[in-house]
């Protein structure tokens, strides 16, 4: 069992050496893109939530 675990970690380490890691600048740029898209989507969904809430209140209060 320990031999299988050892083999797993050795193979994992070998595969990690084949990974094409992004540069620091690429990582920062792509992180900024993800944060920007997340904020944009949050604003979009928040706006629609506000609109639908106002519409429902208008119909219920009527």
PDB file of N, CA and C in Angstrom:
ATOM      1  N   UNK A   1       0.817  -1.186   0.000  1.00  0.00           N
ATOM      2  CA  UNK A   1       0.000   0.000   0.000  1.00  0.00           C
ATOM      3  C   UNK A   1       0.867   1.259   0.000  1.00  0.00           C
ATOM      4  N   UNK A   2       1.926   1.259   0.814  1.00  0.00           N
ATOM      5  CA  UNK A   2       2.807   2.427   0.860  1.00  0.00           C
ATOM      6  C   UNK A   2       3.533   2.622  -0.461  1.00  0.00           C
ATOM      7  N   UNK A   3       3.808   1.530  -1.161  1.00  0.00           N
ATOM      8  CA  UNK A   3       4.468   1.637  -2.464  1.00  0.00           C
ATOM      9  C   UNK A   3       3.564   2.351  -3.463  1.00  0.00           C
ATOM     10  N   UNK A   4       2.259   2.079  -3.402  1.00  0.00           N
ATOM     11  CA  UNK A   4       1.312   2.746  -4.302  1.00  0.00           C
ATOM     12  C   UNK A   4       1.222   4.239  -3.989  1.00  0.00           C
ATOM     13  N   UNK A   5       1.222   4.569  -2.699  1.00  0.00           N
ATOM     14  CA  UNK A   5       1.175   5.977  -2.300  1.00  0.00           C
ATOM     15  C   UNK A   5       2.442   6.694  -2.762  1.00  0.00           C
ATOM     16  N   UNK A   6       3.583   6.062  -2.571  1.00  0.00           N
ATOM     17  CA  UNK A   6       4.854   6.651  -2.990  1.00  0.00           C
ATOM     18  C   UNK A   6       4.872   6.848  -4.512  1.00  0.00           C
ATOM     19  N   UNK A   7       4.395   5.842  -5.237  1.00  0.00           N
ATOM     20  CA  UNK A   7       4.345   5.940  -6.695  1.00  0.00           C
ATOM     21  C   UNK A   7       3.417   7.079  -7.129  1.00  0.00           C
ATOM     22  N   UNK A   8       2.286   7.232  -6.456  1.00  0.00           N
ATOM     23  CA  UNK A   8       1.353   8.312  -6.773  1.00  0.00           C
ATOM     24  C   UNK A   8       2.029   9.671  -6.650  1.00  0.00           C
ATOM     25  N   UNK A   9       2.723   9.896  -5.540  1.00  0.00           N
ATOM     26  CA  UNK A   9       3.385  11.182  -5.328  1.00  0.00           C
ATOM     27  C   UNK A   9       4.526  11.406  -6.318  1.00  0.00           C
ATOM     28  N   UNK A  10       5.250  10.374  -6.642  1.00  0.00           N
ATOM     29  CA  UNK A  10       6.325  10.505  -7.633  1.00  0.00           C
ATOM     30  C   UNK A  10       5.756  10.875  -8.997  1.00  0.00           C
ATOM     31  N   UNK A  11       4.662  10.202  -9.395  1.00  0.00           N
ATOM     32  CA  UNK A  11       4.046  10.514 -10.685  1.00  0.00           C
ATOM     33  C   UNK A  11       3.418  11.902 -10.684  1.00  0.00           C
ATOM     34  N   UNK A  12       2.848  12.299  -9.572  1.00  0.00           N
ATOM     35  CA  UNK A  12       2.268  13.635  -9.460  1.00  0.00           C
ATOM     36  C   UNK A  12       3.353  14.695  -9.611  1.00  0.00           C
ATOM     37  N   UNK A  13       4.477  14.475  -8.967  1.00  0.00           N
ATOM     38  CA  UNK A  13       5.590  15.424  -9.055  1.00  0.00           C
ATOM     39  C   UNK A  13       6.106  15.522 -10.502  1.00  0.00           C
ATOM     40  N   UNK A  14       6.181  14.388 -11.171  1.00  0.00           N
ATOM     41  CA  UNK A  14       6.626  14.375 -12.565  1.00  0.00           C
ATOM     42  C   UNK A  14       5.652  15.155 -13.450  1.00  0.00           C
ATOM     43  N   UNK A  15       4.356  14.956 -13.235  1.00  0.00           N
ATOM     44  CA  UNK A  15       3.352  15.668 -14.037  1.00  0.00           C
ATOM     45  C   UNK A  15       3.393  17.166 -13.765  1.00  0.00           C
ATOM     46  N   UNK A  16       3.622  17.560 -12.519  1.00  0.00           N
ATOM     47  CA  UNK A  16       3.686  18.984 -12.193  1.00  0.00           C
ATOM     48  C   UNK A  16       4.862  19.669 -12.882  1.00  0.00           C
ATOM     49  N   UNK A  17       5.903  18.932 -13.187  1.00  0.00           N
ATOM     50  CA  UNK A  17       7.037  19.512 -13.915  1.00  0.00           C
ATOM     51  C   UNK A  17       6.685  19.803 -15.368  1.00  0.00           C
ATOM     52  N   UNK A  18       5.664  19.100 -15.897  1.00  0.00           N
ATOM     53  CA  UNK A  18       5.246  19.301 -17.284  1.00  0.00           C
ATOM     54  C   UNK A  18       4.251  20.451 -17.445  1.00  0.00           C
ATOM     55  N   UNK A  19       3.758  20.971 -16.338  1.00  0.00           N
ATOM     56  CA  UNK A  19       2.750  22.030 -16.391  1.00  0.00           C
ATOM     57  C   UNK A  19       3.395  23.316 -16.901  1.00  0.00           C
ATOM     58  N   UNK A  20       2.675  24.001 -17.780  1.00  0.00           N
ATOM     59  CA  UNK A  20       3.139  25.292 -18.281  1.00  0.00           C
ATOM     60  C   UNK A  20       2.561  26.377 -17.378  1.00  0.00           C
ATOM     61  N   UNK A  21       3.330  26.765 -16.347  1.00  0.00           N
ATOM     62  CA  UNK A  21       2.846  27.719 -15.360  1.00  0.00           C
ATOM     63  C   UNK A  21       2.830  29.119 -15.959  1.00  0.00           C
ATOM     64  N   UNK A  22       1.821  29.935 -15.612  1.00  0.00           N
ATOM     65  CA  UNK A  22       1.778  31.306 -16.126  1.00  0.00           C
ATOM     66  C   UNK A  22       2.851  32.169 -15.451  1.00  0.00           C
ATOM     67  N   UNK A  23       3.237  33.223 -16.167  1.00  0.00           N
ATOM     68  CA  UNK A  23       4.183  34.158 -15.563  1.00  0.00           C
ATOM     69  C   UNK A  23       3.451  34.987 -14.512  1.00  0.00           C
ATOM     70  N   UNK A  24       4.205  35.710 -13.738  1.00  0.00           N
ATOM     71  CA  UNK A  24       3.598  36.556 -12.698  1.00  0.00           C
ATOM     72  C   UNK A  24       2.658  37.582 -13.307  1.00  0.00           C
ATOM     73  N   UNK A  25       3.083  38.213 -14.415  1.00  0.00           N
ATOM     74  CA  UNK A  25       2.241  39.216 -15.074  1.00  0.00           C
ATOM     75  C   UNK A  25       0.955  38.602 -15.619  1.00  0.00           C
ATOM     76  N   UNK A  26       1.053  37.414 -16.202  1.00  0.00           N
ATOM     77  CA  UNK A  26      -0.144  36.733 -16.705  1.00  0.00           C
ATOM     78  C   UNK A  26      -1.105  36.409 -15.564  1.00  0.00           C
ATOM     79  N   UNK A  27      -0.572  35.929 -14.461  1.00  0.00           N
ATOM     80  CA  UNK A  27      -1.411  35.572 -13.321  1.00  0.00           C
ATOM     81  C   UNK A  27      -2.122  36.796 -12.760  1.00  0.00           C
ATOM     82  N   UNK A  28      -1.400  37.909 -12.655  1.00  0.00           N
ATOM     83  CA  UNK A  28      -2.005  39.145 -12.149  1.00  0.00           C
ATOM     84  C   UNK A  28      -3.079  39.640 -13.108  1.00  0.00           C
ATOM     85  N   UNK A  29      -2.803  39.622 -14.410  1.00  0.00           N
ATOM     86  CA  UNK A  29      -3.764  40.106 -15.403  1.00  0.00           C
ATOM     87  C   UNK A  29      -5.015  39.231 -15.411  1.00  0.00           C
ATOM     88  N   UNK A  30      -4.839  37.931 -15.404  1.00  0.00           N
ATOM     89  CA  UNK A  30      -5.990  37.031 -15.431  1.00  0.00           C
ATOM     90  C   UNK A  30      -6.792  37.093 -14.134  1.00  0.00           C
ATOM     91  N   UNK A  31      -6.120  37.311 -13.018  1.00  0.00           N
ATOM     92  CA  UNK A  31      -6.827  37.482 -11.748  1.00  0.00           C
ATOM     93  C   UNK A  31      -7.673  38.745 -11.789  1.00  0.00           C
ATOM     94  N   UNK A  32      -7.124  39.819 -12.355  1.00  0.00           N
ATOM     95  CA  UNK A  32      -7.883  41.065 -12.480  1.00  0.00           C
ATOM     96  C   UNK A  32      -9.103  40.868 -13.382  1.00  0.00           C
ATOM     97  N   UNK A  33      -8.953  40.097 -14.445  1.00  0.00           N
ATOM     98  CA  UNK A  33     -10.088  39.817 -15.334  1.00  0.00           C
ATOM     99  C   UNK A  33     -11.179  39.071 -14.579  1.00  0.00           C
ATOM    100  N   UNK A  34     -10.802  38.066 -13.814  1.00  0.00           N
ATOM    101  CA  UNK A  34     -11.788  37.284 -13.055  1.00  0.00           C
ATOM    102  C   UNK A  34     -12.496  38.168 -12.027  1.00  0.00           C
ATOM    103  N   UNK A  35     -11.755  38.993 -11.319  1.00  0.00           N
ATOM    104  CA  UNK A  35     -12.363  39.883 -10.326  1.00  0.00           C
ATOM    105  C   UNK A  35     -13.290  40.880 -11.008  1.00  0.00           C
ATOM    106  N   UNK A  36     -12.854  41.440 -12.140  1.00  0.00           N
ATOM    107  CA  UNK A  36     -13.689  42.393 -12.873  1.00  0.00           C
ATOM    108  C   UNK A  36     -14.981  41.763 -13.369  1.00  0.00           C
ATOM    109  N   UNK A  37     -14.881  40.570 -13.949  1.00  0.00           N
ATOM    110  CA  UNK A  37     -16.086  39.885 -14.423  1.00  0.00           C
ATOM    111  C   UNK A  37     -17.014  39.525 -13.268  1.00  0.00           C
ATOM    112  N   UNK A  38     -16.449  39.128 -12.151  1.00  0.00           N
ATOM    113  CA  UNK A  38     -17.269  38.790 -10.981  1.00  0.00           C
ATOM    114  C   UNK A  38     -18.015  40.018 -10.468  1.00  0.00           C
ATOM    115  N   UNK A  39     -17.339  41.144 -10.392  1.00  0.00           N
ATOM    116  CA  UNK A  39     -18.000  42.377  -9.946  1.00  0.00           C
ATOM    117  C   UNK A  39     -19.066  42.820 -10.940  1.00  0.00           C
ATOM    118  N   UNK A  40     -18.765  42.715 -12.233  1.00  0.00           N
ATOM    119  CA  UNK A  40     -19.748  43.082 -13.252  1.00  0.00           C
ATOM    120  C   UNK A  40     -20.992  42.213 -13.169  1.00  0.00           C
ATOM    121  N   UNK A  41     -20.808  40.932 -13.014  1.00  0.00           N
ATOM    122  CA  UNK A  41     -21.943  40.014 -12.900  1.00  0.00           C
ATOM    123  C   UNK A  41     -22.727  40.287 -11.622  1.00  0.00           C
ATOM    124  N   UNK A  42     -22.045  40.596 -10.537  1.00  0.00           N
ATOM    125  CA  UNK A  42     -22.724  40.912  -9.277  1.00  0.00           C
ATOM    126  C   UNK A  42     -23.577  42.167  -9.441  1.00  0.00           C
ATOM    127  N   UNK A  43     -23.053  43.183 -10.105  1.00  0.00           N
ATOM    128  CA  UNK A  43     -23.832  44.404 -10.336  1.00  0.00           C
ATOM    129  C   UNK A  43     -25.033  44.119 -11.236  1.00  0.00           C
ATOM    130  N   UNK A  44     -24.831  43.340 -12.276  1.00  0.00           N
ATOM    131  CA  UNK A  44     -25.910  42.986 -13.205  1.00  0.00           C
ATOM    132  C   UNK A  44     -27.030  42.249 -12.469  1.00  0.00           C
ATOM    133  N   UNK A  45     -26.670  41.236 -11.695  1.00  0.00           N
ATOM    134  CA  UNK A  45     -27.672  40.465 -10.960  1.00  0.00           C
ATOM    135  C   UNK A  45     -28.325  41.302  -9.867  1.00  0.00           C
ATOM    136  N   UNK A  46     -27.556  42.147  -9.225  1.00  0.00           N
ATOM    137  CA  UNK A  46     -28.106  43.033  -8.192  1.00  0.00           C
ATOM    138  C   UNK A  46     -29.118  44.008  -8.774  1.00  0.00           C
ATOM    139  N   UNK A  47     -28.833  44.524  -9.948  1.00  0.00           N
ATOM    140  CA  UNK A  47     -29.758  45.445 -10.613  1.00  0.00           C
ATOM    141  C   UNK A  47     -31.071  44.743 -10.945  1.00  0.00           C
ATOM    142  N   UNK A  48     -30.997  43.559 -11.520  1.00  0.00           N
ATOM    143  CA  UNK A  48     -32.212  42.819 -11.841  1.00  0.00           C
ATOM    144  C   UNK A  48     -32.972  42.418 -10.577  1.00  0.00           C
ATOM    145  N   UNK A  49     -32.273  42.075  -9.513  1.00  0.00           N
ATOM    146  CA  UNK A  49     -32.924  41.748  -8.253  1.00  0.00           C
ATOM    147  C   UNK A  49     -33.683  42.969  -7.730  1.00  0.00           C
ATOM    148  N   UNK A  50     -33.055  44.130  -7.802  1.00  0.00           N
ATOM    149  CA  UNK A  50     -33.703  45.365  -7.349  1.00  0.00           C
ATOM    150  C   UNK A  50     -34.950  45.666  -8.183  1.00  0.00           C
ATOM    151  N   UNK A  51     -34.833  45.517  -9.502  1.00  0.00           N
ATOM    152  CA  UNK A  51     -35.969  45.788 -10.397  1.00  0.00           C
ATOM    153  C   UNK A  51     -37.115  44.818 -10.116  1.00  0.00           C
ATOM    154  N   UNK A  52     -36.825  43.525 -10.039  1.00  0.00           N
ATOM    155  CA  UNK A  52     -37.882  42.537  -9.799  1.00  0.00           C
ATOM    156  C   UNK A  52     -38.508  42.712  -8.416  1.00  0.00           C
ATOM    157  N   UNK A  53     -37.705  43.071  -7.426  1.00  0.00           N
ATOM    158  CA  UNK A  53     -38.239  43.313  -6.094  1.00  0.00           C
ATOM    159  C   UNK A  53     -39.196  44.500  -6.118  1.00  0.00           C
ATOM    160  N   UNK A  54     -38.809  45.569  -6.820  1.00  0.00           N
ATOM    161  CA  UNK A  54     -39.670  46.744  -6.921  1.00  0.00           C
ATOM    162  C   UNK A  54     -40.963  46.407  -7.657  1.00  0.00           C
ATOM    163  N   UNK A  55     -40.888  45.608  -8.710  1.00  0.00           N
ATOM    164  CA  UNK A  55     -42.088  45.216  -9.445  1.00  0.00           C
ATOM    165  C   UNK A  55     -43.022  44.372  -8.584  1.00  0.00           C
ATOM    166  N   UNK A  56     -42.464  43.429  -7.862  1.00  0.00           N
ATOM    167  CA  UNK A  56     -43.295  42.579  -7.005  1.00  0.00           C
ATOM    168  C   UNK A  56     -43.945  43.404  -5.902  1.00  0.00           C
ATOM    169  N   UNK A  57     -43.201  44.320  -5.303  1.00  0.00           N
ATOM    170  CA  UNK A  57     -43.774  45.185  -4.275  1.00  0.00           C
ATOM    171  C   UNK A  57     -44.898  46.032  -4.853  1.00  0.00           C
ATOM    172  N   UNK A  58     -44.714  46.527  -6.078  1.00  0.00           N
ATOM    173  CA  UNK A  58     -45.744  47.346  -6.714  1.00  0.00           C
ATOM    174  C   UNK A  58     -47.015  46.541  -6.935  1.00  0.00           C
ATOM    175  N   UNK A  59     -46.899  45.309  -7.337  1.00  0.00           N
ATOM    176  CA  UNK A  59     -48.078  44.478  -7.589  1.00  0.00           C
ATOM    177  C   UNK A  59     -48.722  43.988  -6.291  1.00  0.00           C
ATOM    178  N   UNK A  60     -47.932  43.704  -5.278  1.00  0.00           N
ATOM    179  CA  UNK A  60     -48.478  43.193  -4.019  1.00  0.00           C
ATOM    180  C   UNK A  60     -49.158  44.321  -3.226  1.00  0.00           C
ATOM    181  N   UNK A  61     -48.544  45.471  -3.198  1.00  0.00           N
ATOM    182  CA  UNK A  61     -49.101  46.601  -2.458  1.00  0.00           C
ATOM    183  C   UNK A  61     -50.394  47.105  -3.101  1.00  0.00           C
ATOM    184  N   UNK A  62     -50.492  47.013  -4.400  1.00  0.00           N
ATOM    185  CA  UNK A  62     -51.673  47.455  -5.133  1.00  0.00           C
ATOM    186  C   UNK A  62     -52.878  46.837  -4.628  1.00  0.00           C
TER     187      UNK A  62
END
